[in-house]
Amino acid sequence: MIDLHTHSLFSDGVLIPAELVRRFEAKGYETVAITDHVGPSNIDLIVPRIVKAAKALNGNQSVTVIPGAELTHVPPALIRSLAERARVLGASLVVVHGETIVEPVPPGTNRAAIDAKVDILAHPGLITEQEVVLARENGVFLEISGRHGHSFTNGHVAALASKVGAPLVLNSDSHAPRDILDRELAEKVAAGAGLGRDSLETLLDNSRKLIKRCLSTG
């Protein structure tokens, strides 16, 4: 199992990175990315600490830790520069908090994230077909979310991505231990999105491809 969208207490999660990673390790995960919420006010504070945690933990347990960041509720005009800043600070994976229907995310966030060629557009809500096509062209992976609320539009995202051939990944958006998906629940989330119960391996393979790309350019 792989999860490329999780949160520690460096943002609004409840666990320090070491305990967060241990919880995933105990469930048999092979890779986890720590992607705490960042914006102009805290990106320089948070990303280096995630990088420090990943360096300390990698090689000392079975799960690989990828340092990342989730740009969250920032003005769309700032997304490209903040994504670049996150990478300079050491983030191997850049996620953007997409236009979920359960939060007042600024309109235009999805398009700005895709134009910036970030790695993952999380819970993109009622994303348009044009944006999904552009995500495919720009190599931006779209998220099927295991998180309550954000998951409401999984079916819409999956249907458009399947139609145009855009890559999908499945993540928990974990904030607490109870949010971590086991394999059975992950299969049900994928099936509930209309992808079919046997689609989980394809989603995991997509995550592996993204990990390989991020680590090769990091």
N, C-alpha and C. Protein backbone atom coordinates (compact mmCIF):
# COMPACT_ATOMS: atom_id res chain seq x y z
N MET A 1 0.83 -1.19 0.00
CA MET A 1 0.00 0.00 0.00
C MET A 1 0.88 1.25 0.00
N ILE A 2 0.34 2.31 -0.57
CA ILE A 2 1.04 3.58 -0.72
C ILE A 2 0.05 4.71 -0.40
N ASP A 3 0.52 5.73 0.29
CA ASP A 3 -0.30 6.92 0.54
C ASP A 3 0.56 8.14 0.32
N LEU A 4 0.17 8.98 -0.62
CA LEU A 4 0.96 10.16 -0.97
C LEU A 4 0.30 11.47 -0.52
N HIS A 5 -0.56 11.39 0.49
CA HIS A 5 -1.23 12.60 0.99
C HIS A 5 -1.60 12.37 2.45
N THR A 6 -0.72 12.80 3.36
CA THR A 6 -0.97 12.64 4.80
C THR A 6 -0.53 13.89 5.54
N HIS A 7 -1.01 14.02 6.77
CA HIS A 7 -0.73 15.21 7.57
C HIS A 7 -0.27 14.84 8.98
N SER A 8 0.74 15.55 9.45
CA SER A 8 1.23 15.40 10.81
C SER A 8 0.82 16.63 11.62
N LEU A 9 1.30 16.70 12.87
CA LEU A 9 0.93 17.88 13.67
C LEU A 9 1.69 19.14 13.24
N PHE A 10 2.54 19.01 12.20
CA PHE A 10 3.13 20.21 11.62
C PHE A 10 2.06 21.07 10.93
N SER A 11 0.89 20.46 10.65
CA SER A 11 -0.25 21.26 10.21
C SER A 11 -1.45 20.87 11.07
N ASP A 12 -2.44 20.17 10.52
CA ASP A 12 -3.64 19.86 11.31
C ASP A 12 -3.80 18.38 11.59
N GLY A 13 -2.72 17.60 11.46
CA GLY A 13 -2.75 16.22 11.89
C GLY A 13 -2.53 16.13 13.39
N VAL A 14 -2.63 14.90 13.94
CA VAL A 14 -2.53 14.75 15.39
C VAL A 14 -1.26 14.05 15.84
N LEU A 15 -0.45 13.53 14.90
CA LEU A 15 0.73 12.77 15.25
C LEU A 15 2.01 13.45 14.76
N ILE A 16 3.10 13.29 15.51
CA ILE A 16 4.38 13.73 15.01
C ILE A 16 4.77 12.81 13.84
N PRO A 17 5.66 13.26 12.95
CA PRO A 17 6.00 12.44 11.78
C PRO A 17 6.43 11.02 12.11
N ALA A 18 7.24 10.83 13.14
CA ALA A 18 7.72 9.48 13.46
C ALA A 18 6.57 8.55 13.81
N GLU A 19 5.60 9.03 14.59
CA GLU A 19 4.47 8.17 14.94
C GLU A 19 3.55 7.97 13.75
N LEU A 20 3.37 9.01 12.95
CA LEU A 20 2.55 8.88 11.75
C LEU A 20 3.10 7.77 10.84
N VAL A 21 4.40 7.82 10.61
CA VAL A 21 5.04 6.82 9.75
C VAL A 21 4.93 5.43 10.37
N ARG A 22 5.12 5.34 11.67
CA ARG A 22 5.01 4.04 12.34
C ARG A 22 3.62 3.45 12.19
N ARG A 23 2.59 4.28 12.24
CA ARG A 23 1.22 3.78 12.06
C ARG A 23 1.05 3.17 10.67
N PHE A 24 1.63 3.82 9.66
CA PHE A 24 1.55 3.27 8.32
C PHE A 24 2.38 2.00 8.18
N GLU A 25 3.54 2.00 8.80
CA GLU A 25 4.39 0.81 8.76
C GLU A 25 3.67 -0.39 9.37
N ALA A 26 2.96 -0.16 10.47
CA ALA A 26 2.25 -1.24 11.15
C ALA A 26 1.15 -1.84 10.29
N LYS A 27 0.66 -1.05 9.33
CA LYS A 27 -0.38 -1.53 8.42
C LYS A 27 0.21 -2.08 7.12
N GLY A 28 1.53 -2.20 7.07
CA GLY A 28 2.16 -2.83 5.92
C GLY A 28 2.39 -1.94 4.72
N TYR A 29 2.38 -0.64 4.90
CA TYR A 29 2.60 0.28 3.78
C TYR A 29 4.05 0.23 3.31
N GLU A 30 4.25 0.42 2.02
CA GLU A 30 5.61 0.48 1.47
C GLU A 30 6.14 1.90 1.39
N THR A 31 5.23 2.88 1.16
CA THR A 31 5.64 4.27 1.01
C THR A 31 4.56 5.19 1.56
N VAL A 32 4.99 6.26 2.22
CA VAL A 32 4.07 7.29 2.68
C VAL A 32 4.72 8.66 2.46
N ALA A 33 3.95 9.60 1.98
CA ALA A 33 4.42 10.98 1.84
C ALA A 33 3.78 11.83 2.93
N ILE A 34 4.59 12.66 3.58
CA ILE A 34 4.07 13.62 4.55
C ILE A 34 3.91 14.94 3.83
N THR A 35 2.67 15.40 3.73
CA THR A 35 2.35 16.57 2.89
C THR A 35 1.53 17.58 3.70
N ASP A 36 2.15 18.15 4.69
CA ASP A 36 1.41 19.08 5.54
C ASP A 36 1.01 20.35 4.79
N HIS A 37 -0.06 20.97 5.29
CA HIS A 37 -0.60 22.18 4.67
C HIS A 37 0.39 23.33 4.79
N VAL A 38 0.66 23.98 3.67
CA VAL A 38 1.55 25.14 3.69
C VAL A 38 0.98 26.25 2.82
N GLY A 39 1.42 27.47 3.13
CA GLY A 39 1.08 28.65 2.36
C GLY A 39 2.20 29.66 2.53
N PRO A 40 1.99 30.90 2.14
CA PRO A 40 3.05 31.90 2.24
C PRO A 40 3.57 32.10 3.65
N SER A 41 2.74 31.88 4.65
CA SER A 41 3.12 32.18 6.04
C SER A 41 4.02 31.13 6.67
N ASN A 42 3.93 29.88 6.20
CA ASN A 42 4.63 28.82 6.94
C ASN A 42 5.46 27.87 6.08
N ILE A 43 5.52 28.07 4.78
CA ILE A 43 6.21 27.12 3.92
C ILE A 43 7.68 26.97 4.30
N ASP A 44 8.34 28.09 4.66
CA ASP A 44 9.75 28.03 5.01
C ASP A 44 9.99 27.37 6.36
N LEU A 45 8.97 27.32 7.18
CA LEU A 45 9.07 26.68 8.49
C LEU A 45 8.79 25.18 8.41
N ILE A 46 7.76 24.80 7.66
CA ILE A 46 7.26 23.43 7.69
C ILE A 46 8.04 22.49 6.79
N VAL A 47 8.28 22.87 5.55
CA VAL A 47 8.90 21.94 4.61
C VAL A 47 10.26 21.45 5.09
N PRO A 48 11.16 22.31 5.57
CA PRO A 48 12.45 21.80 6.04
C PRO A 48 12.33 20.80 7.19
N ARG A 49 11.31 20.94 8.02
CA ARG A 49 11.12 20.01 9.13
C ARG A 49 10.62 18.66 8.63
N ILE A 50 9.78 18.66 7.62
CA ILE A 50 9.36 17.40 7.02
C ILE A 50 10.54 16.71 6.36
N VAL A 51 11.36 17.50 5.68
CA VAL A 51 12.56 16.94 5.04
C VAL A 51 13.48 16.33 6.09
N LYS A 52 13.66 17.03 7.19
CA LYS A 52 14.52 16.53 8.28
C LYS A 52 13.97 15.22 8.83
N ALA A 53 12.67 15.16 9.04
CA ALA A 53 12.05 13.93 9.56
C ALA A 53 12.23 12.77 8.59
N ALA A 54 12.02 13.03 7.30
CA ALA A 54 12.15 11.97 6.30
C ALA A 54 13.58 11.43 6.26
N LYS A 55 14.56 12.31 6.31
CA LYS A 55 15.95 11.88 6.28
C LYS A 55 16.29 11.01 7.48
N ALA A 56 15.77 11.36 8.64
CA ALA A 56 16.05 10.60 9.84
C ALA A 56 15.36 9.24 9.84
N LEU A 57 14.16 9.19 9.30
CA LEU A 57 13.37 7.96 9.36
C LEU A 57 13.74 6.96 8.26
N ASN A 58 14.08 7.46 7.09
CA ASN A 58 14.39 6.55 5.98
C ASN A 58 15.62 5.72 6.30
N GLY A 59 15.50 4.44 6.04
CA GLY A 59 16.58 3.52 6.34
C GLY A 59 16.50 2.92 7.72
N ASN A 60 15.59 3.44 8.54
CA ASN A 60 15.45 2.94 9.90
C ASN A 60 14.12 2.24 10.14
N GLN A 61 13.31 2.11 9.10
CA GLN A 61 12.10 1.30 9.17
C GLN A 61 11.76 0.85 7.75
N SER A 62 10.77 0.00 7.62
CA SER A 62 10.50 -0.64 6.33
C SER A 62 9.79 0.27 5.34
N VAL A 63 9.10 1.29 5.82
CA VAL A 63 8.33 2.16 4.93
C VAL A 63 9.21 3.33 4.48
N THR A 64 9.15 3.66 3.19
CA THR A 64 9.88 4.80 2.65
C THR A 64 9.07 6.07 2.89
N VAL A 65 9.73 7.12 3.36
CA VAL A 65 9.07 8.38 3.65
C VAL A 65 9.48 9.42 2.60
N ILE A 66 8.49 10.03 1.97
CA ILE A 66 8.74 11.07 0.97
C ILE A 66 8.35 12.43 1.57
N PRO A 67 9.26 13.38 1.59
CA PRO A 67 8.92 14.71 2.09
C PRO A 67 8.11 15.49 1.05
N GLY A 68 7.02 16.05 1.48
CA GLY A 68 6.18 16.79 0.54
C GLY A 68 5.55 18.01 1.18
N ALA A 69 4.59 18.59 0.47
CA ALA A 69 3.87 19.76 0.95
C ALA A 69 2.55 19.84 0.20
N GLU A 70 1.52 20.32 0.89
CA GLU A 70 0.23 20.56 0.24
C GLU A 70 -0.08 22.05 0.30
N LEU A 71 -0.03 22.71 -0.84
CA LEU A 71 -0.41 24.12 -0.91
C LEU A 71 -1.91 24.21 -0.72
N THR A 72 -2.33 24.97 0.30
CA THR A 72 -3.71 24.89 0.75
C THR A 72 -4.36 26.27 0.86
N HIS A 73 -5.46 26.47 0.13
CA HIS A 73 -6.24 27.71 0.19
C HIS A 73 -5.39 28.94 -0.10
N VAL A 74 -4.42 28.82 -0.97
CA VAL A 74 -3.62 29.98 -1.34
C VAL A 74 -4.20 30.58 -2.62
N PRO A 75 -4.02 31.87 -2.85
CA PRO A 75 -4.51 32.47 -4.09
C PRO A 75 -3.91 31.74 -5.29
N PRO A 76 -4.70 31.45 -6.29
CA PRO A 76 -4.18 30.74 -7.46
C PRO A 76 -2.95 31.39 -8.07
N ALA A 77 -2.86 32.70 -8.04
CA ALA A 77 -1.71 33.40 -8.63
C ALA A 77 -0.40 33.06 -7.93
N LEU A 78 -0.48 32.54 -6.71
CA LEU A 78 0.73 32.22 -5.94
C LEU A 78 1.15 30.76 -6.06
N ILE A 79 0.33 29.94 -6.69
CA ILE A 79 0.58 28.50 -6.67
C ILE A 79 1.89 28.13 -7.35
N ARG A 80 2.15 28.68 -8.50
CA ARG A 80 3.38 28.32 -9.21
C ARG A 80 4.63 28.68 -8.39
N SER A 81 4.67 29.88 -7.86
CA SER A 81 5.86 30.31 -7.12
C SER A 81 6.02 29.53 -5.83
N LEU A 82 4.91 29.20 -5.16
CA LEU A 82 4.99 28.43 -3.92
C LEU A 82 5.39 26.99 -4.20
N ALA A 83 4.92 26.43 -5.31
CA ALA A 83 5.33 25.08 -5.68
C ALA A 83 6.84 25.04 -5.92
N GLU A 84 7.34 26.04 -6.61
CA GLU A 84 8.78 26.12 -6.86
C GLU A 84 9.54 26.29 -5.55
N ARG A 85 9.00 27.10 -4.64
CA ARG A 85 9.66 27.31 -3.35
C ARG A 85 9.69 26.01 -2.54
N ALA A 86 8.60 25.26 -2.57
CA ALA A 86 8.56 23.99 -1.84
C ALA A 86 9.64 23.04 -2.34
N ARG A 87 9.84 23.01 -3.64
CA ARG A 87 10.87 22.12 -4.20
C ARG A 87 12.26 22.59 -3.80
N VAL A 88 12.48 23.89 -3.83
CA VAL A 88 13.79 24.43 -3.40
C VAL A 88 14.08 24.05 -1.96
N LEU A 89 13.05 24.04 -1.13
CA LEU A 89 13.21 23.71 0.28
C LEU A 89 13.37 22.22 0.53
N GLY A 90 13.19 21.41 -0.50
CA GLY A 90 13.42 19.98 -0.37
C GLY A 90 12.23 19.08 -0.52
N ALA A 91 11.06 19.63 -0.82
CA ALA A 91 9.88 18.79 -1.02
C ALA A 91 10.04 17.98 -2.30
N SER A 92 9.96 16.67 -2.19
CA SER A 92 10.04 15.81 -3.38
C SER A 92 8.69 15.67 -4.07
N LEU A 93 7.62 15.98 -3.34
CA LEU A 93 6.26 15.82 -3.85
C LEU A 93 5.45 17.05 -3.50
N VAL A 94 4.87 17.70 -4.51
CA VAL A 94 4.05 18.89 -4.28
C VAL A 94 2.60 18.58 -4.63
N VAL A 95 1.75 18.76 -3.64
CA VAL A 95 0.30 18.55 -3.77
C VAL A 95 -0.38 19.90 -3.68
N VAL A 96 -1.46 20.08 -4.42
CA VAL A 96 -2.30 21.27 -4.25
C VAL A 96 -3.68 20.84 -3.76
N HIS A 97 -4.16 21.54 -2.77
CA HIS A 97 -5.49 21.32 -2.19
C HIS A 97 -6.53 21.82 -3.21
N GLY A 98 -7.12 20.87 -3.93
CA GLY A 98 -8.00 21.23 -5.03
C GLY A 98 -9.36 21.75 -4.59
N GLU A 99 -10.21 22.00 -5.58
CA GLU A 99 -11.48 22.69 -5.37
C GLU A 99 -12.57 21.75 -4.86
N THR A 100 -12.31 21.13 -3.71
CA THR A 100 -13.31 20.29 -3.06
C THR A 100 -14.61 21.08 -2.86
N ILE A 101 -15.73 20.38 -2.93
CA ILE A 101 -17.01 21.06 -2.80
C ILE A 101 -17.38 21.34 -1.35
N VAL A 102 -16.58 20.84 -0.40
CA VAL A 102 -16.93 21.03 1.01
C VAL A 102 -16.11 22.11 1.70
N GLU A 103 -15.28 22.84 0.94
CA GLU A 103 -14.52 23.95 1.50
C GLU A 103 -14.49 25.09 0.48
N PRO A 104 -14.33 26.33 0.94
CA PRO A 104 -14.34 27.49 0.04
C PRO A 104 -12.98 27.71 -0.62
N VAL A 105 -12.52 26.74 -1.37
CA VAL A 105 -11.24 26.86 -2.08
C VAL A 105 -11.39 27.92 -3.18
N PRO A 106 -10.41 28.80 -3.36
CA PRO A 106 -10.53 29.84 -4.38
C PRO A 106 -10.76 29.27 -5.77
N PRO A 107 -11.75 29.77 -6.49
CA PRO A 107 -11.94 29.34 -7.88
C PRO A 107 -10.68 29.59 -8.70
N GLY A 108 -10.38 28.68 -9.59
CA GLY A 108 -9.16 28.80 -10.39
C GLY A 108 -7.99 28.03 -9.82
N THR A 109 -8.17 27.46 -8.61
CA THR A 109 -7.09 26.70 -7.98
C THR A 109 -6.72 25.48 -8.81
N ASN A 110 -7.73 24.74 -9.28
CA ASN A 110 -7.43 23.53 -10.06
C ASN A 110 -6.59 23.87 -11.28
N ARG A 111 -7.00 24.88 -12.03
CA ARG A 111 -6.30 25.24 -13.26
C ARG A 111 -4.88 25.74 -12.95
N ALA A 112 -4.73 26.52 -11.90
CA ALA A 112 -3.41 27.04 -11.55
C ALA A 112 -2.47 25.90 -11.16
N ALA A 113 -2.98 24.92 -10.44
CA ALA A 113 -2.16 23.78 -10.04
C ALA A 113 -1.72 22.97 -11.25
N ILE A 114 -2.64 22.77 -12.17
CA ILE A 114 -2.32 22.01 -13.39
C ILE A 114 -1.32 22.78 -14.24
N ASP A 115 -1.53 24.08 -14.39
CA ASP A 115 -0.60 24.90 -15.17
C ASP A 115 0.79 24.89 -14.55
N ALA A 116 0.86 24.81 -13.21
CA ALA A 116 2.14 24.80 -12.51
C ALA A 116 2.81 23.42 -12.56
N LYS A 117 2.12 22.43 -13.08
CA LYS A 117 2.64 21.06 -13.20
C LYS A 117 3.07 20.49 -11.85
N VAL A 118 2.18 20.67 -10.85
CA VAL A 118 2.45 20.05 -9.56
C VAL A 118 2.29 18.54 -9.72
N ASP A 119 2.59 17.80 -8.67
CA ASP A 119 2.54 16.35 -8.79
C ASP A 119 1.14 15.78 -8.64
N ILE A 120 0.41 16.26 -7.64
CA ILE A 120 -0.94 15.76 -7.38
C ILE A 120 -1.89 16.92 -7.17
N LEU A 121 -3.04 16.85 -7.83
CA LEU A 121 -4.14 17.76 -7.54
C LEU A 121 -5.12 16.98 -6.68
N ALA A 122 -5.14 17.31 -5.39
CA ALA A 122 -5.95 16.56 -4.43
C ALA A 122 -7.41 16.97 -4.54
N HIS A 123 -8.29 15.98 -4.30
CA HIS A 123 -9.74 16.17 -4.25
C HIS A 123 -10.18 17.38 -5.10
N PRO A 124 -10.11 17.26 -6.43
CA PRO A 124 -10.37 18.42 -7.30
C PRO A 124 -11.84 18.76 -7.51
N GLY A 125 -12.72 18.15 -6.76
CA GLY A 125 -14.13 18.52 -6.82
C GLY A 125 -14.74 18.35 -8.20
N LEU A 126 -15.49 19.36 -8.63
CA LEU A 126 -16.18 19.30 -9.93
C LEU A 126 -15.26 19.84 -11.03
N ILE A 127 -14.10 19.25 -11.13
CA ILE A 127 -13.12 19.63 -12.14
C ILE A 127 -13.73 19.49 -13.53
N THR A 128 -13.33 20.35 -14.45
CA THR A 128 -13.88 20.31 -15.80
C THR A 128 -13.13 19.30 -16.66
N GLU A 129 -13.78 18.88 -17.73
CA GLU A 129 -13.12 17.94 -18.65
C GLU A 129 -11.89 18.58 -19.28
N GLN A 130 -11.97 19.86 -19.61
CA GLN A 130 -10.82 20.56 -20.18
C GLN A 130 -9.63 20.52 -19.22
N GLU A 131 -9.89 20.71 -17.93
CA GLU A 131 -8.82 20.67 -16.94
C GLU A 131 -8.24 19.27 -16.80
N VAL A 132 -9.09 18.27 -16.90
CA VAL A 132 -8.61 16.89 -16.80
C VAL A 132 -7.71 16.55 -17.99
N VAL A 133 -8.10 17.01 -19.17
CA VAL A 133 -7.25 16.80 -20.35
C VAL A 133 -5.90 17.47 -20.15
N LEU A 134 -5.91 18.69 -19.64
CA LEU A 134 -4.66 19.41 -19.41
C LEU A 134 -3.82 18.73 -18.33
N ALA A 135 -4.48 18.16 -17.32
CA ALA A 135 -3.75 17.42 -16.28
C ALA A 135 -3.01 16.24 -16.90
N ARG A 136 -3.68 15.55 -17.80
CA ARG A 136 -3.02 14.43 -18.49
C ARG A 136 -1.82 14.91 -19.28
N GLU A 137 -1.98 16.02 -19.99
CA GLU A 137 -0.89 16.54 -20.82
C GLU A 137 0.28 17.04 -19.97
N ASN A 138 -0.01 17.57 -18.78
CA ASN A 138 1.02 18.14 -17.92
C ASN A 138 1.57 17.15 -16.90
N GLY A 139 1.07 15.92 -16.92
CA GLY A 139 1.58 14.91 -16.00
C GLY A 139 1.15 15.12 -14.56
N VAL A 140 0.01 15.77 -14.36
CA VAL A 140 -0.52 15.99 -13.02
C VAL A 140 -1.46 14.84 -12.66
N PHE A 141 -1.21 14.18 -11.55
CA PHE A 141 -2.04 13.07 -11.12
C PHE A 141 -3.23 13.61 -10.33
N LEU A 142 -4.42 13.10 -10.63
CA LEU A 142 -5.64 13.51 -9.94
C LEU A 142 -5.95 12.51 -8.83
N GLU A 143 -6.47 13.02 -7.74
CA GLU A 143 -6.67 12.19 -6.55
C GLU A 143 -8.09 11.66 -6.40
N ILE A 144 -8.17 10.37 -6.12
CA ILE A 144 -9.37 9.76 -5.56
C ILE A 144 -9.16 9.75 -4.05
N SER A 145 -10.05 10.41 -3.33
CA SER A 145 -9.83 10.68 -1.91
C SER A 145 -10.58 9.71 -1.01
N GLY A 146 -9.89 9.27 0.03
CA GLY A 146 -10.54 8.45 1.04
C GLY A 146 -11.11 9.26 2.18
N ARG A 147 -11.02 10.57 2.09
CA ARG A 147 -11.45 11.42 3.21
C ARG A 147 -12.92 11.84 3.05
N HIS A 148 -13.63 11.76 4.16
CA HIS A 148 -15.04 12.15 4.16
C HIS A 148 -15.19 13.58 3.66
N GLY A 149 -16.19 13.80 2.85
CA GLY A 149 -16.43 15.13 2.29
C GLY A 149 -15.70 15.29 0.98
N HIS A 150 -14.39 15.23 1.02
CA HIS A 150 -13.61 15.34 -0.21
C HIS A 150 -13.95 14.20 -1.18
N SER A 151 -14.40 13.08 -0.62
CA SER A 151 -14.70 11.91 -1.45
C SER A 151 -16.04 12.03 -2.19
N PHE A 152 -16.82 13.06 -1.89
CA PHE A 152 -18.15 13.17 -2.49
C PHE A 152 -18.11 13.23 -4.02
N THR A 153 -17.04 13.77 -4.58
CA THR A 153 -16.96 13.91 -6.04
C THR A 153 -15.99 12.92 -6.67
N ASN A 154 -15.62 11.87 -5.94
CA ASN A 154 -14.73 10.86 -6.52
C ASN A 154 -15.26 10.29 -7.83
N GLY A 155 -16.56 10.05 -7.87
CA GLY A 155 -17.14 9.46 -9.08
C GLY A 155 -16.99 10.37 -10.29
N HIS A 156 -17.20 11.66 -10.09
CA HIS A 156 -17.04 12.64 -11.16
C HIS A 156 -15.60 12.67 -11.65
N VAL A 157 -14.66 12.72 -10.71
CA VAL A 157 -13.24 12.78 -11.08
C VAL A 157 -12.83 11.51 -11.81
N ALA A 158 -13.24 10.36 -11.29
CA ALA A 158 -12.87 9.08 -11.90
C ALA A 158 -13.45 8.94 -13.30
N ALA A 159 -14.69 9.36 -13.48
CA ALA A 159 -15.34 9.23 -14.79
C ALA A 159 -14.63 10.06 -15.85
N LEU A 160 -14.30 11.32 -15.52
CA LEU A 160 -13.62 12.17 -16.49
C LEU A 160 -12.20 11.68 -16.75
N ALA A 161 -11.51 11.26 -15.70
CA ALA A 161 -10.14 10.77 -15.88
C ALA A 161 -10.13 9.52 -16.75
N SER A 162 -11.07 8.63 -16.52
CA SER A 162 -11.15 7.41 -17.33
C SER A 162 -11.48 7.74 -18.78
N LYS A 163 -12.31 8.73 -18.98
CA LYS A 163 -12.71 9.12 -20.34
C LYS A 163 -11.54 9.64 -21.15
N VAL A 164 -10.68 10.45 -20.55
CA VAL A 164 -9.61 11.10 -21.31
C VAL A 164 -8.23 10.48 -21.07
N GLY A 165 -8.15 9.50 -20.15
CA GLY A 165 -6.87 8.85 -19.90
C GLY A 165 -5.95 9.60 -18.98
N ALA A 166 -6.50 10.37 -18.05
CA ALA A 166 -5.67 11.09 -17.07
C ALA A 166 -5.31 10.16 -15.92
N PRO A 167 -4.10 10.30 -15.35
CA PRO A 167 -3.68 9.40 -14.29
C PRO A 167 -4.32 9.71 -12.95
N LEU A 168 -4.69 8.66 -12.23
CA LEU A 168 -5.32 8.77 -10.92
C LEU A 168 -4.47 8.10 -9.86
N VAL A 169 -4.50 8.65 -8.65
CA VAL A 169 -3.93 7.99 -7.49
C VAL A 169 -4.98 8.01 -6.38
N LEU A 170 -4.87 7.06 -5.47
CA LEU A 170 -5.79 6.99 -4.34
C LEU A 170 -5.02 7.28 -3.06
N ASN A 171 -5.49 8.27 -2.29
CA ASN A 171 -4.85 8.65 -1.04
C ASN A 171 -5.88 8.80 0.07
N SER A 172 -5.41 8.73 1.32
CA SER A 172 -6.33 8.84 2.45
C SER A 172 -6.57 10.27 2.90
N ASP A 173 -5.59 11.18 2.64
CA ASP A 173 -5.64 12.52 3.24
C ASP A 173 -5.73 12.37 4.75
N SER A 174 -4.92 11.47 5.28
CA SER A 174 -4.98 11.11 6.70
C SER A 174 -4.58 12.27 7.59
N HIS A 175 -5.37 12.47 8.65
CA HIS A 175 -5.05 13.44 9.69
C HIS A 175 -4.91 12.76 11.06
N ALA A 176 -5.38 11.53 11.16
CA ALA A 176 -5.36 10.79 12.43
C ALA A 176 -5.28 9.30 12.12
N PRO A 177 -4.89 8.48 13.09
CA PRO A 177 -4.75 7.04 12.82
C PRO A 177 -6.00 6.40 12.22
N ARG A 178 -7.17 6.86 12.63
CA ARG A 178 -8.40 6.25 12.13
C ARG A 178 -8.60 6.49 10.63
N ASP A 179 -7.87 7.45 10.06
CA ASP A 179 -8.04 7.78 8.65
C ASP A 179 -7.24 6.86 7.73
N ILE A 180 -6.28 6.13 8.26
CA ILE A 180 -5.41 5.31 7.42
C ILE A 180 -6.21 4.18 6.79
N LEU A 181 -6.09 4.04 5.49
CA LEU A 181 -6.85 3.03 4.76
C LEU A 181 -6.14 1.68 4.79
N ASP A 182 -6.87 0.62 5.15
CA ASP A 182 -6.32 -0.70 4.91
C ASP A 182 -6.69 -1.11 3.49
N ARG A 183 -6.15 -2.21 3.03
CA ARG A 183 -6.34 -2.59 1.63
C ARG A 183 -7.82 -2.80 1.29
N GLU A 184 -8.55 -3.43 2.18
CA GLU A 184 -9.96 -3.71 1.91
C GLU A 184 -10.76 -2.43 1.73
N LEU A 185 -10.53 -1.47 2.59
CA LEU A 185 -11.27 -0.21 2.47
C LEU A 185 -10.83 0.57 1.24
N ALA A 186 -9.53 0.53 0.93
CA ALA A 186 -9.05 1.21 -0.28
C ALA A 186 -9.72 0.63 -1.52
N GLU A 187 -9.87 -0.68 -1.55
CA GLU A 187 -10.56 -1.31 -2.68
C GLU A 187 -12.01 -0.83 -2.78
N LYS A 188 -12.65 -0.66 -1.64
CA LYS A 188 -14.05 -0.20 -1.64
C LYS A 188 -14.15 1.26 -2.08
N VAL A 189 -13.18 2.08 -1.68
CA VAL A 189 -13.18 3.48 -2.12
C VAL A 189 -13.04 3.55 -3.64
N ALA A 190 -12.14 2.75 -4.19
CA ALA A 190 -11.95 2.71 -5.64
C ALA A 190 -13.22 2.23 -6.34
N ALA A 191 -13.82 1.19 -5.79
CA ALA A 191 -15.05 0.67 -6.37
C ALA A 191 -16.18 1.69 -6.28
N GLY A 192 -16.25 2.38 -5.16
CA GLY A 192 -17.28 3.40 -4.97
C GLY A 192 -17.14 4.56 -5.92
N ALA A 193 -15.91 4.79 -6.40
CA ALA A 193 -15.67 5.85 -7.38
C ALA A 193 -16.04 5.40 -8.79
N GLY A 194 -16.43 4.14 -8.92
CA GLY A 194 -16.81 3.63 -10.23
C GLY A 194 -15.68 3.02 -11.01
N LEU A 195 -14.53 2.81 -10.34
CA LEU A 195 -13.36 2.29 -11.03
C LEU A 195 -13.29 0.77 -11.01
N GLY A 196 -14.10 0.14 -10.19
CA GLY A 196 -14.07 -1.30 -10.09
C GLY A 196 -13.17 -1.75 -8.97
N ARG A 197 -13.53 -2.85 -8.33
CA ARG A 197 -12.80 -3.32 -7.16
C ARG A 197 -11.39 -3.77 -7.51
N ASP A 198 -11.17 -4.18 -8.76
CA ASP A 198 -9.85 -4.64 -9.17
C ASP A 198 -8.93 -3.50 -9.60
N SER A 199 -9.39 -2.27 -9.45
CA SER A 199 -8.62 -1.12 -9.94
C SER A 199 -7.53 -0.66 -8.98
N LEU A 200 -7.52 -1.18 -7.76
CA LEU A 200 -6.56 -0.69 -6.77
C LEU A 200 -5.13 -0.88 -7.22
N GLU A 201 -4.82 -2.02 -7.82
CA GLU A 201 -3.44 -2.25 -8.26
C GLU A 201 -3.01 -1.24 -9.31
N THR A 202 -3.93 -0.86 -10.20
CA THR A 202 -3.60 0.16 -11.20
C THR A 202 -3.32 1.49 -10.51
N LEU A 203 -4.12 1.84 -9.52
CA LEU A 203 -3.91 3.08 -8.78
C LEU A 203 -2.57 3.05 -8.04
N LEU A 204 -2.24 1.92 -7.45
CA LEU A 204 -0.95 1.80 -6.75
C LEU A 204 0.21 1.86 -7.73
N ASP A 205 0.04 1.27 -8.89
CA ASP A 205 1.10 1.36 -9.91
C ASP A 205 1.30 2.81 -10.34
N ASN A 206 0.19 3.57 -10.44
CA ASN A 206 0.31 4.99 -10.77
C ASN A 206 1.11 5.72 -9.69
N SER A 207 0.84 5.39 -8.43
CA SER A 207 1.59 6.00 -7.33
C SER A 207 3.07 5.67 -7.44
N ARG A 208 3.37 4.44 -7.78
CA ARG A 208 4.78 4.05 -7.91
C ARG A 208 5.46 4.82 -9.04
N LYS A 209 4.75 5.01 -10.14
CA LYS A 209 5.31 5.78 -11.25
C LYS A 209 5.59 7.21 -10.82
N LEU A 210 4.66 7.78 -10.06
CA LEU A 210 4.84 9.16 -9.59
C LEU A 210 6.01 9.24 -8.62
N ILE A 211 6.12 8.26 -7.73
CA ILE A 211 7.24 8.24 -6.78
C ILE A 211 8.56 8.19 -7.53
N LYS A 212 8.64 7.34 -8.53
CA LYS A 212 9.88 7.22 -9.30
C LYS A 212 10.23 8.54 -9.97
N ARG A 213 9.22 9.21 -10.51
CA ARG A 213 9.46 10.51 -11.15
C ARG A 213 9.94 11.53 -10.14
N CYS A 214 9.28 11.59 -8.99
CA CYS A 214 9.64 12.59 -7.97
C CYS A 214 11.05 12.35 -7.44
N LEU A 215 11.39 11.12 -7.19
CA LEU A 215 12.71 10.83 -6.62
C LEU A 215 13.82 11.02 -7.65
N SER A 216 13.48 10.84 -8.92
CA SER A 216 14.50 11.01 -9.96
C SER A 216 14.81 12.47 -10.22
N THR A 217 13.85 13.34 -9.91
CA THR A 217 14.05 14.78 -10.14
C THR A 217 14.30 15.54 -8.86
N GLY A 218 14.26 14.83 -7.73
CA GLY A 218 14.41 15.50 -6.44
C GLY A 218 15.86 15.80 -6.12
